[in-house]
N, C-alpha and C. Protein backbone atom coordinates (compact mmCIF):
# COMPACT_ATOMS: atom_id res chain seq x y z
N UNK A 1 113.52 117.85 94.30
CA UNK A 1 114.82 117.40 94.72
C UNK A 1 115.63 116.84 93.56
N UNK A 2 115.13 115.79 92.89
CA UNK A 2 115.90 115.18 91.82
C UNK A 2 115.88 115.98 90.52
N UNK A 3 115.00 116.98 90.43
CA UNK A 3 115.00 117.76 89.20
C UNK A 3 116.26 118.62 89.10
N UNK A 4 117.01 118.73 90.20
CA UNK A 4 118.24 119.50 90.20
C UNK A 4 119.43 118.67 89.74
N UNK A 5 119.22 117.38 89.50
CA UNK A 5 120.26 116.53 88.94
C UNK A 5 120.46 116.98 87.49
N UNK A 6 121.72 117.15 87.04
CA UNK A 6 121.94 117.58 85.65
C UNK A 6 121.29 116.62 84.66
N UNK A 7 120.85 117.15 83.54
CA UNK A 7 120.15 116.33 82.55
C UNK A 7 121.00 115.16 82.10
N UNK A 8 122.30 115.35 81.92
CA UNK A 8 123.15 114.25 81.48
C UNK A 8 123.18 113.11 82.49
N UNK A 9 123.13 113.44 83.79
CA UNK A 9 123.12 112.42 84.82
C UNK A 9 121.75 111.73 84.88
N UNK A 10 120.69 112.51 84.73
CA UNK A 10 119.35 111.94 84.66
C UNK A 10 119.23 110.96 83.51
N UNK A 11 119.82 111.32 82.36
CA UNK A 11 119.79 110.44 81.19
C UNK A 11 120.58 109.15 81.46
N UNK A 12 121.69 109.26 82.19
CA UNK A 12 122.48 108.07 82.54
C UNK A 12 121.70 107.15 83.47
N UNK A 13 120.85 107.72 84.31
CA UNK A 13 120.07 106.93 85.26
C UNK A 13 118.79 106.36 84.66
N UNK A 14 118.55 106.67 83.39
CA UNK A 14 117.31 106.27 82.72
C UNK A 14 116.99 104.79 82.88
N UNK A 15 118.00 103.93 82.83
CA UNK A 15 117.75 102.49 82.90
C UNK A 15 118.00 101.89 84.29
N UNK A 16 118.30 102.73 85.27
CA UNK A 16 118.49 102.25 86.64
C UNK A 16 117.13 102.21 87.31
N UNK A 17 116.71 101.02 87.71
CA UNK A 17 115.40 100.85 88.33
C UNK A 17 115.47 99.75 89.38
N UNK A 18 114.73 99.92 90.44
CA UNK A 18 114.64 98.87 91.45
C UNK A 18 113.84 97.69 90.90
N UNK A 19 112.82 97.99 90.13
CA UNK A 19 111.99 96.95 89.55
C UNK A 19 110.87 96.49 90.47
N UNK A 20 109.89 95.86 89.86
CA UNK A 20 108.70 95.40 90.60
C UNK A 20 109.02 94.28 91.58
N UNK A 21 110.10 93.55 91.37
CA UNK A 21 110.43 92.44 92.26
C UNK A 21 110.81 92.93 93.66
N UNK A 22 111.13 94.20 93.81
CA UNK A 22 111.49 94.74 95.12
C UNK A 22 110.33 95.34 95.90
N UNK A 23 109.14 95.36 95.32
CA UNK A 23 107.98 95.94 96.00
C UNK A 23 107.58 95.12 97.22
N UNK A 24 107.08 95.78 98.22
CA UNK A 24 106.65 95.12 99.45
C UNK A 24 105.60 94.06 99.15
N UNK A 25 104.68 94.34 98.28
CA UNK A 25 103.55 93.45 98.03
C UNK A 25 103.98 92.09 97.46
N UNK A 26 105.15 91.99 96.84
CA UNK A 26 105.60 90.72 96.29
C UNK A 26 106.56 89.99 97.23
N UNK A 27 106.80 90.54 98.41
CA UNK A 27 107.66 89.90 99.40
C UNK A 27 106.99 88.61 99.86
N UNK A 28 107.65 87.46 99.67
CA UNK A 28 107.02 86.19 100.06
C UNK A 28 106.80 86.06 101.57
N UNK A 29 107.54 86.83 102.37
CA UNK A 29 107.37 86.77 103.82
C UNK A 29 106.15 87.55 104.29
N UNK A 30 105.58 88.36 103.41
CA UNK A 30 104.39 89.14 103.75
C UNK A 30 103.17 88.31 103.35
N UNK A 31 102.40 87.90 104.31
CA UNK A 31 101.26 87.03 104.05
C UNK A 31 100.00 87.86 103.83
N UNK A 32 99.77 88.30 102.61
CA UNK A 32 98.57 89.09 102.32
C UNK A 32 97.40 88.21 101.92
N UNK A 33 97.66 86.93 101.71
CA UNK A 33 96.58 86.02 101.37
C UNK A 33 96.22 86.08 99.90
N UNK A 34 95.32 85.19 99.47
CA UNK A 34 94.95 85.12 98.06
C UNK A 34 93.96 86.19 97.62
N UNK A 35 93.30 86.84 98.58
CA UNK A 35 92.30 87.84 98.22
C UNK A 35 92.98 89.15 97.86
N UNK A 36 92.35 89.88 96.98
CA UNK A 36 92.91 91.17 96.59
C UNK A 36 91.88 92.28 96.81
N UNK A 37 92.38 93.48 96.74
CA UNK A 37 91.54 94.65 96.93
C UNK A 37 91.89 95.63 95.82
N UNK A 38 90.89 96.06 95.08
CA UNK A 38 91.12 96.99 93.98
C UNK A 38 91.21 98.41 94.52
N UNK A 39 92.33 99.06 94.23
CA UNK A 39 92.59 100.43 94.65
C UNK A 39 92.76 101.28 93.41
N UNK A 40 92.09 102.43 93.37
CA UNK A 40 92.21 103.31 92.20
C UNK A 40 92.09 104.76 92.63
N UNK A 41 92.38 105.63 91.68
CA UNK A 41 92.25 107.06 91.93
C UNK A 41 91.32 107.66 90.89
N UNK A 42 90.36 108.47 91.31
CA UNK A 42 89.49 109.13 90.33
C UNK A 42 90.23 110.27 89.60
N UNK A 43 91.46 110.55 90.01
CA UNK A 43 92.21 111.67 89.43
C UNK A 43 92.97 111.30 88.15
N UNK A 44 93.16 109.98 87.91
CA UNK A 44 93.87 109.56 86.70
C UNK A 44 93.54 108.11 86.40
N UNK A 45 93.69 107.72 85.15
CA UNK A 45 93.35 106.37 84.70
C UNK A 45 94.49 105.41 85.02
N UNK A 46 94.15 104.13 85.12
CA UNK A 46 95.14 103.09 85.35
C UNK A 46 96.21 103.15 84.27
N UNK A 47 97.46 103.17 84.67
CA UNK A 47 98.57 103.21 83.72
C UNK A 47 98.84 104.58 83.13
N UNK A 48 98.00 105.55 83.46
CA UNK A 48 98.18 106.91 82.91
C UNK A 48 99.23 107.66 83.73
N UNK A 49 99.73 108.70 83.14
CA UNK A 49 100.71 109.56 83.80
C UNK A 49 100.06 110.25 85.01
N UNK A 50 100.79 110.32 86.10
CA UNK A 50 100.31 110.99 87.30
C UNK A 50 100.18 112.48 87.00
N UNK A 51 99.03 113.08 87.20
CA UNK A 51 98.86 114.51 86.93
C UNK A 51 99.86 115.35 87.72
N UNK A 52 100.32 116.42 87.13
CA UNK A 52 101.34 117.28 87.71
C UNK A 52 100.98 117.76 89.12
N UNK A 53 99.70 117.93 89.38
CA UNK A 53 99.24 118.41 90.68
C UNK A 53 99.78 117.56 91.84
N UNK A 54 99.98 116.27 91.59
CA UNK A 54 100.41 115.34 92.63
C UNK A 54 101.92 115.13 92.66
N UNK A 55 102.65 115.87 91.84
CA UNK A 55 104.10 115.73 91.75
C UNK A 55 104.79 116.96 92.37
N UNK A 56 106.10 116.89 92.43
CA UNK A 56 106.89 118.01 92.96
C UNK A 56 106.83 119.22 92.02
N UNK A 57 106.43 119.03 90.78
CA UNK A 57 106.30 120.13 89.83
C UNK A 57 104.96 120.86 89.97
N UNK A 58 104.05 120.27 90.75
CA UNK A 58 102.74 120.88 90.99
C UNK A 58 102.58 121.19 92.46
N UNK A 59 101.37 121.00 92.95
CA UNK A 59 101.08 121.29 94.35
C UNK A 59 101.72 120.26 95.29
N UNK A 60 102.04 119.08 94.76
CA UNK A 60 102.70 118.05 95.57
C UNK A 60 101.81 117.40 96.61
N UNK A 61 100.49 117.40 96.36
CA UNK A 61 99.57 116.77 97.30
C UNK A 61 99.35 115.31 96.92
N UNK A 62 98.92 114.51 97.88
CA UNK A 62 98.64 113.11 97.58
C UNK A 62 97.36 113.00 96.76
N UNK A 63 97.31 112.03 95.84
CA UNK A 63 96.10 111.88 95.03
C UNK A 63 94.97 111.25 95.84
N UNK A 64 93.72 111.50 95.42
CA UNK A 64 92.61 110.82 96.08
C UNK A 64 92.64 109.34 95.73
N UNK A 65 92.28 108.50 96.68
CA UNK A 65 92.26 107.05 96.48
C UNK A 65 90.93 106.50 96.95
N UNK A 66 90.42 105.51 96.23
CA UNK A 66 89.16 104.87 96.60
C UNK A 66 89.31 103.36 96.45
N UNK A 67 88.52 102.61 97.21
CA UNK A 67 88.50 101.16 97.13
C UNK A 67 87.13 100.66 97.53
N UNK A 68 86.89 99.42 97.18
CA UNK A 68 85.59 98.81 97.46
C UNK A 68 85.66 98.00 98.75
N UNK A 69 84.60 97.25 99.02
CA UNK A 69 84.53 96.45 100.25
C UNK A 69 85.73 95.52 100.36
N UNK A 70 86.33 95.45 101.54
CA UNK A 70 87.48 94.58 101.75
C UNK A 70 87.05 93.13 102.00
N UNK A 71 88.00 92.22 102.00
CA UNK A 71 87.67 90.83 102.34
C UNK A 71 87.07 90.75 103.75
N UNK A 72 86.22 89.79 103.96
CA UNK A 72 85.60 89.58 105.26
C UNK A 72 86.68 89.38 106.31
N UNK A 73 86.50 90.02 107.47
CA UNK A 73 87.45 89.88 108.56
C UNK A 73 88.54 90.94 108.58
N UNK A 74 88.51 91.86 107.63
CA UNK A 74 89.53 92.92 107.62
C UNK A 74 89.36 93.80 108.84
N UNK A 75 90.42 93.99 109.59
CA UNK A 75 90.38 94.81 110.81
C UNK A 75 90.75 96.25 110.50
N UNK A 76 91.76 96.45 109.64
CA UNK A 76 92.20 97.79 109.26
C UNK A 76 93.06 97.66 108.00
N UNK A 77 93.42 98.79 107.45
CA UNK A 77 94.23 98.81 106.23
C UNK A 77 95.59 99.44 106.49
N UNK A 78 96.55 99.06 105.66
CA UNK A 78 97.84 99.71 105.59
C UNK A 78 98.07 100.05 104.12
N UNK A 79 98.53 101.24 103.86
CA UNK A 79 98.80 101.69 102.49
C UNK A 79 100.28 102.00 102.35
N UNK A 80 100.91 101.39 101.36
CA UNK A 80 102.31 101.68 101.04
C UNK A 80 102.36 102.06 99.57
N UNK A 81 102.80 103.27 99.28
CA UNK A 81 102.92 103.73 97.90
C UNK A 81 104.39 103.70 97.54
N UNK A 82 104.75 102.79 96.63
CA UNK A 82 106.13 102.60 96.22
C UNK A 82 106.29 102.89 94.74
N UNK A 83 107.48 103.30 94.36
CA UNK A 83 107.81 103.60 92.97
C UNK A 83 108.96 102.71 92.53
N UNK A 84 108.66 101.63 91.79
CA UNK A 84 109.73 100.73 91.35
C UNK A 84 110.55 101.30 90.20
N UNK A 85 110.12 102.42 89.63
CA UNK A 85 110.81 103.01 88.48
C UNK A 85 111.76 104.14 88.85
N UNK A 86 111.84 104.49 90.12
CA UNK A 86 112.75 105.55 90.55
C UNK A 86 114.19 105.08 90.33
N UNK A 87 115.11 106.01 90.06
CA UNK A 87 116.50 105.62 89.83
C UNK A 87 117.21 105.26 91.14
N UNK A 88 116.93 104.07 91.63
CA UNK A 88 117.48 103.62 92.90
C UNK A 88 117.54 102.09 92.91
N UNK A 89 118.25 101.54 93.88
CA UNK A 89 118.35 100.09 93.97
C UNK A 89 117.16 99.46 94.68
N UNK A 90 116.40 100.27 95.41
CA UNK A 90 115.19 99.81 96.09
C UNK A 90 114.03 100.70 95.66
N UNK A 91 112.81 100.16 95.65
CA UNK A 91 111.67 101.01 95.32
C UNK A 91 111.62 102.24 96.23
N UNK A 92 111.27 103.36 95.67
CA UNK A 92 111.18 104.62 96.39
C UNK A 92 109.83 104.66 97.09
N UNK A 93 109.81 104.92 98.37
CA UNK A 93 108.57 104.96 99.13
C UNK A 93 108.04 106.39 99.16
N UNK A 94 106.85 106.58 98.58
CA UNK A 94 106.21 107.90 98.56
C UNK A 94 105.33 108.12 99.77
N UNK A 95 104.79 107.05 100.35
CA UNK A 95 103.93 107.20 101.52
C UNK A 95 103.69 105.87 102.21
N UNK A 96 103.51 105.95 103.52
CA UNK A 96 103.09 104.80 104.32
C UNK A 96 102.03 105.32 105.30
N UNK A 97 100.89 104.66 105.31
CA UNK A 97 99.80 105.00 106.23
C UNK A 97 99.25 103.68 106.76
N UNK A 98 99.00 103.62 108.07
CA UNK A 98 98.46 102.38 108.63
C UNK A 98 97.38 102.68 109.65
N UNK A 99 96.71 101.60 110.05
CA UNK A 99 95.55 101.67 110.95
C UNK A 99 94.42 102.50 110.37
N UNK A 100 94.22 102.38 109.05
CA UNK A 100 93.06 103.00 108.42
C UNK A 100 91.88 102.09 108.76
N UNK A 101 90.84 102.61 109.40
CA UNK A 101 89.71 101.77 109.81
C UNK A 101 89.10 100.99 108.63
N UNK A 102 88.68 99.77 108.91
CA UNK A 102 88.11 98.90 107.88
C UNK A 102 86.83 99.47 107.27
N UNK A 103 86.20 100.42 107.94
CA UNK A 103 84.98 101.04 107.42
C UNK A 103 85.27 102.15 106.41
N UNK A 104 86.49 102.61 106.35
CA UNK A 104 86.87 103.69 105.43
C UNK A 104 87.02 103.12 104.02
N UNK A 105 86.55 103.87 103.00
CA UNK A 105 86.64 103.43 101.60
C UNK A 105 87.35 104.45 100.70
N UNK A 106 87.91 105.51 101.32
CA UNK A 106 88.60 106.49 100.48
C UNK A 106 89.54 107.34 101.31
N UNK A 107 90.55 107.86 100.64
CA UNK A 107 91.40 108.90 101.19
C UNK A 107 91.25 110.09 100.26
N UNK A 108 90.92 111.23 100.79
CA UNK A 108 90.71 112.42 99.98
C UNK A 108 92.03 112.95 99.44
N UNK A 109 91.94 113.76 98.39
CA UNK A 109 93.12 114.42 97.86
C UNK A 109 93.80 115.21 98.99
N UNK A 110 95.09 115.06 99.10
CA UNK A 110 95.85 115.78 100.11
C UNK A 110 95.77 115.20 101.51
N UNK A 111 95.15 114.01 101.66
CA UNK A 111 94.95 113.43 103.00
C UNK A 111 96.22 112.86 103.61
N UNK A 112 97.19 112.50 102.77
CA UNK A 112 98.41 111.89 103.31
C UNK A 112 99.40 113.00 103.67
N UNK A 113 99.32 113.42 104.91
CA UNK A 113 100.20 114.49 105.42
C UNK A 113 100.79 114.04 106.76
N UNK A 114 101.97 114.54 107.06
CA UNK A 114 102.58 114.22 108.33
C UNK A 114 101.79 114.82 109.48
N UNK A 115 101.71 114.07 110.56
CA UNK A 115 100.99 114.58 111.72
C UNK A 115 101.94 114.92 112.87
N UNK A 116 103.23 114.62 112.68
CA UNK A 116 104.21 114.97 113.68
C UNK A 116 104.23 114.07 114.89
N UNK A 117 103.36 113.08 114.94
CA UNK A 117 103.30 112.21 116.12
C UNK A 117 104.50 111.26 116.17
N UNK A 118 104.83 110.71 114.99
CA UNK A 118 105.96 109.80 114.93
C UNK A 118 105.81 108.57 115.79
N UNK A 119 104.58 108.16 116.06
CA UNK A 119 104.35 106.99 116.90
C UNK A 119 104.10 105.76 116.04
N UNK A 120 104.13 104.60 116.66
CA UNK A 120 103.82 103.36 115.96
C UNK A 120 102.39 102.93 116.23
N UNK A 121 101.62 103.78 116.90
CA UNK A 121 100.24 103.43 117.24
C UNK A 121 99.31 103.54 116.03
N UNK A 122 99.80 104.05 114.96
CA UNK A 122 98.99 104.14 113.75
C UNK A 122 98.84 105.55 113.29
N UNK A 123 99.49 105.87 112.21
CA UNK A 123 99.37 107.19 111.62
C UNK A 123 100.07 107.19 110.28
N UNK A 124 100.63 108.29 109.91
CA UNK A 124 101.37 108.42 108.65
C UNK A 124 102.85 108.22 108.96
N UNK A 125 103.46 107.30 108.22
CA UNK A 125 104.87 107.00 108.46
C UNK A 125 105.80 107.83 107.60
N UNK A 126 107.05 107.47 107.67
CA UNK A 126 108.10 108.18 106.95
C UNK A 126 108.29 107.61 105.55
N UNK A 127 108.54 108.50 104.62
CA UNK A 127 108.79 108.12 103.23
C UNK A 127 110.29 107.91 103.03
N UNK A 128 110.73 107.78 101.78
CA UNK A 128 112.14 107.52 101.49
C UNK A 128 113.07 108.67 101.87
N UNK A 129 112.55 109.85 102.09
CA UNK A 129 113.38 110.96 102.54
C UNK A 129 113.28 111.15 104.05
N UNK A 130 112.68 110.15 104.73
CA UNK A 130 112.56 110.13 106.19
C UNK A 130 111.72 111.28 106.74
N UNK A 131 110.78 111.74 105.93
CA UNK A 131 109.83 112.74 106.41
C UNK A 131 108.45 112.09 106.41
N UNK A 132 107.57 112.57 107.25
CA UNK A 132 106.21 112.03 107.29
C UNK A 132 105.38 112.62 106.17
N UNK A 133 104.46 111.82 105.67
CA UNK A 133 103.52 112.32 104.68
C UNK A 133 103.86 111.90 103.26
N UNK A 134 103.16 112.52 102.34
CA UNK A 134 103.30 112.24 100.91
C UNK A 134 104.58 112.86 100.39
N UNK A 135 105.40 112.05 99.73
CA UNK A 135 106.60 112.53 99.06
C UNK A 135 106.28 112.54 97.57
N UNK A 136 106.04 113.73 96.99
CA UNK A 136 105.62 113.77 95.59
C UNK A 136 106.72 113.29 94.65
N UNK A 137 106.33 112.54 93.61
CA UNK A 137 107.30 112.09 92.62
C UNK A 137 108.01 113.28 91.98
N UNK A 138 109.30 113.09 91.70
CA UNK A 138 110.12 114.17 91.16
C UNK A 138 111.28 113.58 90.37
N UNK A 139 111.00 112.96 89.21
CA UNK A 139 112.08 112.31 88.47
C UNK A 139 113.12 113.32 87.97
N UNK A 140 114.39 112.88 87.87
CA UNK A 140 115.43 113.77 87.38
C UNK A 140 115.16 114.20 85.94
N UNK A 141 115.67 115.36 85.58
CA UNK A 141 115.57 115.84 84.20
C UNK A 141 116.22 114.80 83.29
N UNK A 142 115.56 114.49 82.19
CA UNK A 142 116.08 113.52 81.24
C UNK A 142 115.61 112.11 81.51
N UNK A 143 114.87 111.93 82.58
CA UNK A 143 114.35 110.61 82.93
C UNK A 143 112.85 110.72 83.11
N UNK A 144 112.10 109.85 82.47
CA UNK A 144 110.65 109.89 82.61
C UNK A 144 110.24 108.71 83.47
N UNK A 145 109.62 108.99 84.58
CA UNK A 145 109.13 107.95 85.48
C UNK A 145 107.67 108.25 85.77
N UNK A 146 106.78 107.36 85.35
CA UNK A 146 105.36 107.66 85.50
C UNK A 146 104.58 106.64 86.28
N UNK A 147 105.10 105.44 86.45
CA UNK A 147 104.27 104.41 87.08
C UNK A 147 104.52 104.35 88.57
N UNK A 148 103.46 104.15 89.32
CA UNK A 148 103.57 103.97 90.75
C UNK A 148 102.73 102.77 91.12
N UNK A 149 103.14 102.04 92.11
CA UNK A 149 102.41 100.86 92.55
C UNK A 149 102.01 101.03 94.00
N UNK A 150 100.80 100.71 94.30
CA UNK A 150 100.33 100.84 95.67
C UNK A 150 100.01 99.46 96.24
N UNK A 151 100.44 99.22 97.44
CA UNK A 151 100.12 97.98 98.14
C UNK A 151 99.09 98.32 99.21
N UNK A 152 98.00 97.62 99.19
CA UNK A 152 96.94 97.86 100.16
C UNK A 152 96.63 96.52 100.75
N UNK A 153 96.87 96.34 102.02
CA UNK A 153 96.68 95.02 102.59
C UNK A 153 95.82 95.04 103.83
N UNK A 154 95.42 93.86 104.23
CA UNK A 154 94.59 93.75 105.43
C UNK A 154 95.40 93.26 106.58
């Protein structure tokens, strides 16, 4: 989608960013508690560029994600994948998934897909383009955006 923005416009947007202060996980009204949960992907290293396979220039599938044991008392998980570096005033939402059972420790590659249910009972929610499932990163030509932040809460 954004790769069709002219290069000169992409270059102008280079310094436009929502920033990390707009991420859901830093919202003071969200009570995630003092405990944290380490979330990572075996497909790329921390801070490394997202492999093309997971972007709009590749297959556009969601990356595999893994995590360890959650804090005691965790009932289920919610995953929000946000991009604070997208050229927008708010972080760009790539995916929302909720009611992931507390016994689950991974999401396989390509697991974040729309199911068409559109219910609030727990499934895959809408991304920033109001479609269900994984919205692959697609920075405009002339702009390099590589970092993504994931919020995983109990």
